[in-house]
């Protein structure tokens, strides 16, 4: 009985060995097919990149370069405009100061003339409201001695 047990064991070991060899062959075949699929996929991806992605990437880089150039131009123009505005503001404030400095005597004279005219007009209005003519007001002032200025105003 011992020999029969060994024959059965040997049979099973042989079957296991054959199945293992078949598994190794199947695994190798699957690996070969996987490699072929991988190489085909890489070839298709490389062709796709060459035909579509590379030109698109080059165009995107060109557009980005143009955008960067335009941005640089805009920044330069903005800096120039800001400088011109600052320069104009400085020149404007200097001009205002020069006009103020040179025209303040004229402004003073105009204000003095205006104040005098307002005083004369107010004096006339008071005389009219009192019912006196300008000649009567002068006589009244002379009769009183002309010393009371408030009475004639």
N, C-alpha and C. Protein backbone atom coordinates (compact mmCIF):
# COMPACT_ATOMS: atom_id res chain seq x y z
N UNK A 1 0.80 -1.18 0.00
CA UNK A 1 0.00 0.00 0.00
C UNK A 1 0.85 1.25 0.00
N UNK A 2 1.98 1.04 0.45
CA UNK A 2 2.85 2.19 0.44
C UNK A 2 3.22 2.59 -0.98
N UNK A 3 3.38 1.66 -1.84
CA UNK A 3 3.74 1.98 -3.20
C UNK A 3 2.57 2.64 -3.94
N UNK A 4 1.42 2.18 -3.64
CA UNK A 4 0.26 2.82 -4.28
C UNK A 4 0.15 4.26 -3.82
N UNK A 5 0.44 4.58 -2.56
CA UNK A 5 0.37 5.95 -2.03
C UNK A 5 1.43 6.82 -2.69
N UNK A 6 2.61 6.23 -2.96
CA UNK A 6 3.66 6.99 -3.61
C UNK A 6 3.32 7.24 -5.08
N UNK A 7 2.72 6.26 -5.72
CA UNK A 7 2.32 6.45 -7.11
C UNK A 7 1.28 7.57 -7.22
N UNK A 8 0.37 7.59 -6.32
CA UNK A 8 -0.67 8.63 -6.33
C UNK A 8 -0.03 10.01 -6.06
N UNK A 9 0.89 10.01 -5.10
CA UNK A 9 1.56 11.27 -4.76
C UNK A 9 2.37 11.75 -5.96
N UNK A 10 3.08 10.83 -6.60
CA UNK A 10 3.87 11.19 -7.77
C UNK A 10 2.98 11.69 -8.91
N UNK A 11 1.83 11.08 -9.06
CA UNK A 11 0.89 11.50 -10.08
C UNK A 11 0.43 12.94 -9.82
N UNK A 12 0.09 13.18 -8.58
CA UNK A 12 -0.35 14.53 -8.22
C UNK A 12 0.78 15.56 -8.35
N UNK A 13 1.96 15.17 -8.01
CA UNK A 13 3.10 16.07 -8.17
C UNK A 13 3.35 16.35 -9.65
N UNK A 14 3.18 15.38 -10.49
CA UNK A 14 3.34 15.57 -11.93
C UNK A 14 2.27 16.51 -12.48
N UNK A 15 1.04 16.31 -12.00
CA UNK A 15 -0.06 17.18 -12.45
C UNK A 15 0.20 18.62 -12.01
N UNK A 16 0.64 18.77 -10.76
CA UNK A 16 0.94 20.11 -10.26
C UNK A 16 2.07 20.74 -11.07
N UNK A 17 3.08 19.99 -11.43
CA UNK A 17 4.21 20.51 -12.21
C UNK A 17 3.74 20.94 -13.59
N UNK A 18 2.91 20.11 -14.23
CA UNK A 18 2.40 20.45 -15.56
C UNK A 18 1.54 21.71 -15.49
N UNK A 19 0.68 21.79 -14.49
CA UNK A 19 -0.18 22.96 -14.33
C UNK A 19 0.68 24.21 -14.06
N UNK A 20 1.74 24.07 -13.27
CA UNK A 20 2.63 25.20 -12.99
C UNK A 20 3.31 25.67 -14.27
N UNK A 21 3.76 24.71 -15.10
CA UNK A 21 4.39 25.08 -16.37
C UNK A 21 3.38 25.78 -17.26
N UNK A 22 2.14 25.29 -17.29
CA UNK A 22 1.10 25.93 -18.09
C UNK A 22 0.80 27.35 -17.57
N UNK A 23 0.81 27.50 -16.24
CA UNK A 23 0.58 28.83 -15.65
C UNK A 23 1.71 29.80 -16.03
N UNK A 24 2.94 29.27 -16.00
CA UNK A 24 4.08 30.12 -16.37
C UNK A 24 3.98 30.51 -17.83
N UNK A 25 3.62 29.56 -18.71
CA UNK A 25 3.46 29.87 -20.13
C UNK A 25 2.33 30.88 -20.34
N UNK A 26 1.21 30.73 -19.65
CA UNK A 26 0.08 31.65 -19.77
C UNK A 26 0.48 33.05 -19.27
N UNK A 27 1.19 33.06 -18.14
CA UNK A 27 1.64 34.34 -17.60
C UNK A 27 2.62 35.02 -18.56
N UNK A 28 3.50 34.28 -19.16
CA UNK A 28 4.44 34.83 -20.14
C UNK A 28 3.70 35.36 -21.36
N UNK A 29 2.70 34.60 -21.82
CA UNK A 29 1.91 35.03 -22.98
C UNK A 29 1.16 36.32 -22.66
N UNK A 30 0.56 36.39 -21.47
CA UNK A 30 -0.16 37.60 -21.05
C UNK A 30 0.82 38.77 -20.96
N UNK A 31 2.01 38.52 -20.43
CA UNK A 31 3.02 39.58 -20.32
C UNK A 31 3.43 40.06 -21.72
N UNK A 32 3.60 39.15 -22.67
CA UNK A 32 3.96 39.53 -24.03
C UNK A 32 2.86 40.37 -24.67
N UNK A 33 1.61 39.92 -24.52
CA UNK A 33 0.50 40.69 -25.06
C UNK A 33 0.38 42.06 -24.38
N UNK A 34 0.61 42.10 -23.08
CA UNK A 34 0.57 43.39 -22.36
C UNK A 34 1.66 44.32 -22.87
N UNK A 35 2.85 43.78 -23.11
CA UNK A 35 3.94 44.59 -23.64
C UNK A 35 3.59 45.10 -25.04
N UNK A 36 3.00 44.25 -25.88
CA UNK A 36 2.61 44.67 -27.22
C UNK A 36 1.54 45.78 -27.14
N UNK A 37 0.57 45.62 -26.26
CA UNK A 37 -0.46 46.65 -26.09
C UNK A 37 0.16 47.95 -25.58
N UNK A 38 1.08 47.82 -24.64
CA UNK A 38 1.77 48.99 -24.09
C UNK A 38 2.55 49.72 -25.19
N UNK A 39 3.29 48.95 -25.98
CA UNK A 39 4.09 49.58 -27.04
C UNK A 39 3.19 50.23 -28.08
N UNK A 40 2.07 49.60 -28.42
CA UNK A 40 1.14 50.21 -29.38
C UNK A 40 0.52 51.49 -28.80
N UNK A 41 0.14 51.40 -27.54
CA UNK A 41 -0.44 52.58 -26.88
C UNK A 41 0.57 53.73 -26.83
N UNK A 42 1.82 53.43 -26.52
CA UNK A 42 2.85 54.46 -26.47
C UNK A 42 3.09 55.05 -27.85
N UNK A 43 3.04 54.18 -28.88
CA UNK A 43 3.21 54.66 -30.25
C UNK A 43 2.07 55.61 -30.63
N UNK A 44 0.85 55.24 -30.28
CA UNK A 44 -0.31 56.09 -30.58
C UNK A 44 -0.20 57.41 -29.80
N UNK A 45 0.19 57.33 -28.53
CA UNK A 45 0.34 58.54 -27.72
C UNK A 45 1.45 59.46 -28.27
N UNK A 46 2.55 58.86 -28.69
CA UNK A 46 3.62 59.66 -29.28
C UNK A 46 3.18 60.33 -30.58
N UNK A 47 2.43 59.59 -31.41
CA UNK A 47 1.91 60.18 -32.65
C UNK A 47 0.91 61.30 -32.33
N UNK A 48 0.07 61.05 -31.34
CA UNK A 48 -0.90 62.07 -30.92
C UNK A 48 -0.19 63.32 -30.41
N UNK A 49 0.85 63.10 -29.63
CA UNK A 49 1.62 64.24 -29.12
C UNK A 49 2.31 64.98 -30.25
N UNK A 50 2.87 64.23 -31.18
CA UNK A 50 3.57 64.85 -32.30
C UNK A 50 2.61 65.63 -33.19
N UNK A 51 1.46 65.07 -33.47
CA UNK A 51 0.52 65.71 -34.39
C UNK A 51 -0.28 66.83 -33.74
N UNK A 52 -0.71 66.63 -32.51
CA UNK A 52 -1.66 67.57 -31.93
C UNK A 52 -1.12 68.36 -30.73
N UNK A 53 -0.51 67.67 -29.80
CA UNK A 53 -0.11 68.32 -28.55
C UNK A 53 1.08 69.25 -28.77
N UNK A 54 2.08 68.81 -29.51
CA UNK A 54 3.27 69.64 -29.72
C UNK A 54 2.94 70.96 -30.44
N UNK A 55 2.16 70.93 -31.55
CA UNK A 55 1.80 72.22 -32.17
C UNK A 55 0.94 73.09 -31.25
N UNK A 56 0.05 72.44 -30.52
CA UNK A 56 -0.80 73.19 -29.59
C UNK A 56 0.04 73.81 -28.48
N UNK A 57 0.98 73.06 -27.98
CA UNK A 57 1.87 73.57 -26.94
C UNK A 57 2.71 74.74 -27.47
N UNK A 58 3.21 74.58 -28.68
CA UNK A 58 4.00 75.67 -29.28
C UNK A 58 3.14 76.92 -29.46
N UNK A 59 1.91 76.75 -29.90
CA UNK A 59 1.00 77.90 -30.08
C UNK A 59 0.69 78.56 -28.73
N UNK A 60 0.46 77.73 -27.72
CA UNK A 60 0.18 78.28 -26.38
C UNK A 60 1.37 79.08 -25.88
N UNK A 61 2.57 78.57 -26.10
CA UNK A 61 3.78 79.30 -25.69
C UNK A 61 3.90 80.62 -26.45
N UNK A 62 3.58 80.62 -27.73
CA UNK A 62 3.62 81.86 -28.50
C UNK A 62 2.62 82.88 -27.96
N UNK A 63 1.41 82.39 -27.67
CA UNK A 63 0.37 83.29 -27.14
C UNK A 63 0.80 83.83 -25.78
N UNK A 64 1.36 82.98 -24.94
CA UNK A 64 1.82 83.44 -23.63
C UNK A 64 2.94 84.46 -23.76
N UNK A 65 3.84 84.24 -24.72
CA UNK A 65 4.90 85.22 -24.97
C UNK A 65 4.32 86.56 -25.42
N UNK A 66 3.32 86.50 -26.31
CA UNK A 66 2.68 87.73 -26.77
C UNK A 66 1.96 88.43 -25.61
N UNK A 67 1.29 87.66 -24.78
CA UNK A 67 0.60 88.24 -23.62
C UNK A 67 1.61 88.90 -22.69
N UNK A 68 2.74 88.25 -22.50
CA UNK A 68 3.76 88.84 -21.64
C UNK A 68 4.31 90.14 -22.25
N UNK A 69 4.50 90.15 -23.55
CA UNK A 69 4.98 91.37 -24.21
C UNK A 69 3.95 92.50 -24.08
N UNK A 70 2.68 92.17 -24.30
CA UNK A 70 1.63 93.17 -24.18
C UNK A 70 1.55 93.68 -22.74
N UNK A 71 1.65 92.77 -21.79
CA UNK A 71 1.62 93.16 -20.38
C UNK A 71 2.78 94.09 -20.05
N UNK A 72 3.94 93.78 -20.58
CA UNK A 72 5.10 94.64 -20.36
C UNK A 72 4.88 96.02 -20.98
N UNK A 73 4.33 96.06 -22.19
CA UNK A 73 4.04 97.34 -22.84
C UNK A 73 3.03 98.15 -22.03
N UNK A 74 2.00 97.47 -21.55
CA UNK A 74 0.98 98.16 -20.77
C UNK A 74 1.58 98.72 -19.49
N UNK A 75 2.42 97.94 -18.83
CA UNK A 75 3.06 98.43 -17.61
C UNK A 75 3.94 99.64 -17.91
N UNK A 76 4.69 99.56 -18.99
CA UNK A 76 5.53 100.70 -19.37
C UNK A 76 4.68 101.93 -19.66
N UNK A 77 3.59 101.73 -20.41
CA UNK A 77 2.71 102.85 -20.73
C UNK A 77 2.08 103.42 -19.46
N UNK A 78 1.70 102.54 -18.56
CA UNK A 78 1.10 103.00 -17.30
C UNK A 78 2.12 103.81 -16.49
N UNK A 79 3.34 103.34 -16.45
CA UNK A 79 4.38 104.09 -15.73
C UNK A 79 4.61 105.46 -16.37
N UNK A 80 4.63 105.49 -17.69
CA UNK A 80 4.82 106.77 -18.39
C UNK A 80 3.66 107.72 -18.11
N UNK A 81 2.44 107.19 -18.15
CA UNK A 81 1.27 108.03 -17.89
C UNK A 81 1.30 108.57 -16.46
N UNK A 82 1.63 107.71 -15.51
CA UNK A 82 1.72 108.16 -14.12
C UNK A 82 2.79 109.24 -13.95
N UNK A 83 3.93 109.05 -14.62
CA UNK A 83 4.98 110.07 -14.56
C UNK A 83 4.50 111.39 -15.14
N UNK A 84 3.80 111.33 -16.28
CA UNK A 84 3.29 112.55 -16.91
C UNK A 84 2.26 113.23 -16.02
N UNK A 85 1.40 112.43 -15.37
CA UNK A 85 0.40 113.01 -14.48
C UNK A 85 1.08 113.69 -13.29
N UNK A 86 2.08 113.03 -12.72
CA UNK A 86 2.82 113.64 -11.62
C UNK A 86 3.50 114.93 -12.08
N UNK A 87 4.10 114.88 -13.26
CA UNK A 87 4.77 116.05 -13.79
C UNK A 87 3.77 117.18 -14.02
N UNK A 88 2.61 116.86 -14.58
CA UNK A 88 1.59 117.88 -14.82
C UNK A 88 1.08 118.45 -13.50
N UNK A 89 0.90 117.60 -12.50
CA UNK A 89 0.45 118.09 -11.20
C UNK A 89 1.50 119.02 -10.59
N UNK A 90 2.75 118.65 -10.71
CA UNK A 90 3.81 119.50 -10.18
C UNK A 90 3.85 120.84 -10.91
N UNK A 91 3.79 120.81 -12.23
CA UNK A 91 3.81 122.04 -13.02
C UNK A 91 2.57 122.87 -12.70
N UNK A 92 1.43 122.22 -12.56
CA UNK A 92 0.19 122.93 -12.23
C UNK A 92 0.27 123.62 -10.88
N UNK A 93 0.78 122.92 -9.88
CA UNK A 93 0.89 123.55 -8.56
C UNK A 93 1.90 124.69 -8.58
N UNK A 94 2.98 124.54 -9.35
CA UNK A 94 3.93 125.64 -9.48
C UNK A 94 3.29 126.84 -10.18
N UNK A 95 2.49 126.58 -11.20
CA UNK A 95 1.81 127.66 -11.91
C UNK A 95 0.81 128.36 -11.00
N UNK A 96 0.07 127.60 -10.22
CA UNK A 96 -0.89 128.19 -9.29
C UNK A 96 -0.17 129.08 -8.28
N UNK A 97 0.92 128.58 -7.75
CA UNK A 97 1.69 129.38 -6.80
C UNK A 97 2.23 130.66 -7.45
N UNK A 98 2.71 130.56 -8.68
CA UNK A 98 3.22 131.74 -9.38
C UNK A 98 2.11 132.75 -9.61
N UNK A 99 0.94 132.28 -10.03
CA UNK A 99 -0.19 133.18 -10.26
C UNK A 99 -0.62 133.83 -8.95
N UNK A 100 -0.69 133.04 -7.88
CA UNK A 100 -1.06 133.61 -6.58
C UNK A 100 -0.05 134.66 -6.13
N UNK A 101 1.22 134.36 -6.30
CA UNK A 101 2.26 135.28 -5.87
C UNK A 101 2.21 136.58 -6.64
N UNK A 102 1.97 136.50 -7.93
CA UNK A 102 1.99 137.71 -8.76
C UNK A 102 0.66 138.45 -8.75
N UNK A 103 -0.42 137.76 -8.43
CA UNK A 103 -1.72 138.41 -8.53
C UNK A 103 -2.29 138.86 -7.19
N UNK A 104 -1.64 138.58 -6.09
CA UNK A 104 -2.23 138.97 -4.81
C UNK A 104 -2.37 140.47 -4.65
N UNK A 105 -1.45 141.30 -5.18
CA UNK A 105 -1.70 142.75 -5.08
C UNK A 105 -2.94 143.17 -5.86
N UNK A 106 -3.15 142.57 -7.02
CA UNK A 106 -4.33 142.90 -7.83
C UNK A 106 -5.59 142.49 -7.10
N UNK A 107 -5.55 141.32 -6.48
CA UNK A 107 -6.71 140.84 -5.72
C UNK A 107 -6.98 141.78 -4.56
N UNK A 108 -5.94 142.26 -3.91
CA UNK A 108 -6.12 143.21 -2.81
C UNK A 108 -6.75 144.50 -3.28
N UNK A 109 -6.29 145.01 -4.42
CA UNK A 109 -6.85 146.24 -4.96
C UNK A 109 -8.32 146.05 -5.33
N UNK A 110 -8.62 144.93 -5.96
CA UNK A 110 -10.02 144.65 -6.34
C UNK A 110 -10.89 144.56 -5.10
N UNK A 111 -10.40 143.90 -4.06
CA UNK A 111 -11.18 143.79 -2.82
C UNK A 111 -11.38 145.17 -2.17
N UNK A 112 -10.35 145.99 -2.22
CA UNK A 112 -10.47 147.34 -1.65
C UNK A 112 -11.50 148.15 -2.44
N UNK A 113 -11.46 148.08 -3.75
CA UNK A 113 -12.43 148.81 -4.58
C UNK A 113 -13.84 148.29 -4.30
N UNK A 114 -13.97 147.01 -4.18
CA UNK A 114 -15.27 146.40 -3.90
C UNK A 114 -15.80 146.87 -2.55
N UNK A 115 -14.93 146.85 -1.54
CA UNK A 115 -15.36 147.29 -0.21
C UNK A 115 -15.77 148.76 -0.25
N UNK A 116 -14.99 149.59 -0.96
CA UNK A 116 -15.36 151.00 -1.09
C UNK A 116 -16.69 151.17 -1.79
N UNK A 117 -16.91 150.43 -2.87
CA UNK A 117 -18.17 150.53 -3.61
C UNK A 117 -19.33 150.07 -2.75
N UNK A 118 -19.16 149.01 -1.99
CA UNK A 118 -20.22 148.53 -1.11
C UNK A 118 -20.54 149.56 -0.04
N UNK A 119 -19.51 150.21 0.47
CA UNK A 119 -19.71 151.25 1.48
C UNK A 119 -20.49 152.42 0.90
N UNK A 120 -20.11 152.86 -0.29
CA UNK A 120 -20.83 153.96 -0.93
C UNK A 120 -22.27 153.59 -1.22
N UNK A 121 -22.48 152.39 -1.70
CA UNK A 121 -23.86 151.96 -1.98
C UNK A 121 -24.67 151.86 -0.70
N UNK A 122 -24.07 151.38 0.35
CA UNK A 122 -24.79 151.28 1.62
C UNK A 122 -25.12 152.68 2.14
N UNK A 123 -24.23 153.62 1.94
CA UNK A 123 -24.44 155.01 2.36
C UNK A 123 -25.62 155.61 1.61
N UNK A 124 -25.67 155.37 0.29
CA UNK A 124 -26.78 155.88 -0.51
C UNK A 124 -28.10 155.29 -0.07
N UNK A 125 -28.08 154.00 0.23
CA UNK A 125 -29.30 153.32 0.65
C UNK A 125 -29.81 153.91 1.97
N UNK A 126 -28.90 154.20 2.86
CA UNK A 126 -29.31 154.80 4.15
C UNK A 126 -29.91 156.19 3.94
N UNK A 127 -29.29 156.93 3.05
CA UNK A 127 -29.81 158.27 2.78
C UNK A 127 -31.19 158.21 2.14
N UNK A 128 -31.37 157.31 1.25
CA UNK A 128 -32.67 157.14 0.60
C UNK A 128 -33.72 156.69 1.61
N UNK A 129 -33.30 155.78 2.51
CA UNK A 129 -34.26 155.30 3.51
C UNK A 129 -34.62 156.41 4.50
N UNK A 130 -33.72 157.38 4.71
CA UNK A 130 -34.00 158.53 5.59
C UNK A 130 -34.76 159.62 4.84
N UNK A 131 -34.82 159.51 3.55
CA UNK A 131 -35.55 160.49 2.75
C UNK A 131 -34.74 161.71 2.41
N UNK A 132 -33.46 161.66 2.53
CA UNK A 132 -32.59 162.80 2.23
C UNK A 132 -31.99 162.65 0.85
N UNK A 133 -31.80 163.74 0.18
CA UNK A 133 -31.09 163.70 -1.10
C UNK A 133 -29.61 163.77 -0.80
N UNK A 134 -28.76 163.46 -1.74
CA UNK A 134 -27.34 163.51 -1.47
C UNK A 134 -26.86 164.91 -1.12
N UNK A 135 -27.44 165.95 -1.66
CA UNK A 135 -27.00 167.31 -1.31
C UNK A 135 -27.47 167.70 0.07
N UNK A 136 -28.66 167.26 0.46
CA UNK A 136 -29.15 167.55 1.80
C UNK A 136 -28.29 166.86 2.85
N UNK A 137 -27.88 165.65 2.55
CA UNK A 137 -27.06 164.92 3.51
C UNK A 137 -25.74 165.62 3.72
N UNK A 138 -25.18 166.22 2.65
CA UNK A 138 -23.92 166.95 2.79
C UNK A 138 -24.12 168.21 3.62
N UNK A 139 -25.25 168.91 3.44
CA UNK A 139 -25.52 170.12 4.21
C UNK A 139 -25.71 169.80 5.68
N UNK A 140 -26.40 168.69 5.92
CA UNK A 140 -26.62 168.30 7.31
C UNK A 140 -25.30 168.03 7.98
N UNK A 141 -24.42 167.38 7.24
CA UNK A 141 -23.10 167.09 7.78
C UNK A 141 -22.34 168.37 8.07
N UNK A 142 -22.48 169.40 7.17
CA UNK A 142 -21.75 170.65 7.37
C UNK A 142 -22.34 171.44 8.52
N UNK A 143 -23.64 171.38 8.65
CA UNK A 143 -24.29 172.12 9.74
C UNK A 143 -23.83 171.56 11.07
N UNK A 144 -23.70 170.26 11.14
CA UNK A 144 -23.28 169.63 12.38
C UNK A 144 -21.79 169.75 12.60
N UNK A 145 -21.12 170.30 11.69
CA UNK A 145 -19.69 170.53 11.86
C UNK A 145 -18.86 169.46 11.19
N UNK A 146 -19.49 168.49 10.63
CA UNK A 146 -18.76 167.45 9.92
C UNK A 146 -17.94 166.56 10.82
N UNK A 147 -18.08 166.74 12.13
CA UNK A 147 -17.26 165.93 13.02
C UNK A 147 -17.91 164.59 13.32
N UNK A 148 -19.21 164.53 13.21
CA UNK A 148 -19.89 163.26 13.51
C UNK A 148 -20.06 162.48 12.20
N UNK A 149 -19.15 161.64 11.96
CA UNK A 149 -19.16 160.87 10.72
C UNK A 149 -20.30 159.88 10.72
N UNK A 150 -20.64 159.38 11.83
CA UNK A 150 -21.73 158.38 11.91
C UNK A 150 -23.07 158.98 11.54
N UNK A 151 -23.26 160.23 11.79
CA UNK A 151 -24.53 160.86 11.49
C UNK A 151 -24.74 161.00 9.99
N UNK A 152 -23.67 161.15 9.23
CA UNK A 152 -23.80 161.31 7.80
C UNK A 152 -23.78 160.00 7.07
N UNK A 153 -23.39 158.99 7.69
CA UNK A 153 -23.27 157.69 7.01
C UNK A 153 -24.57 156.98 6.98
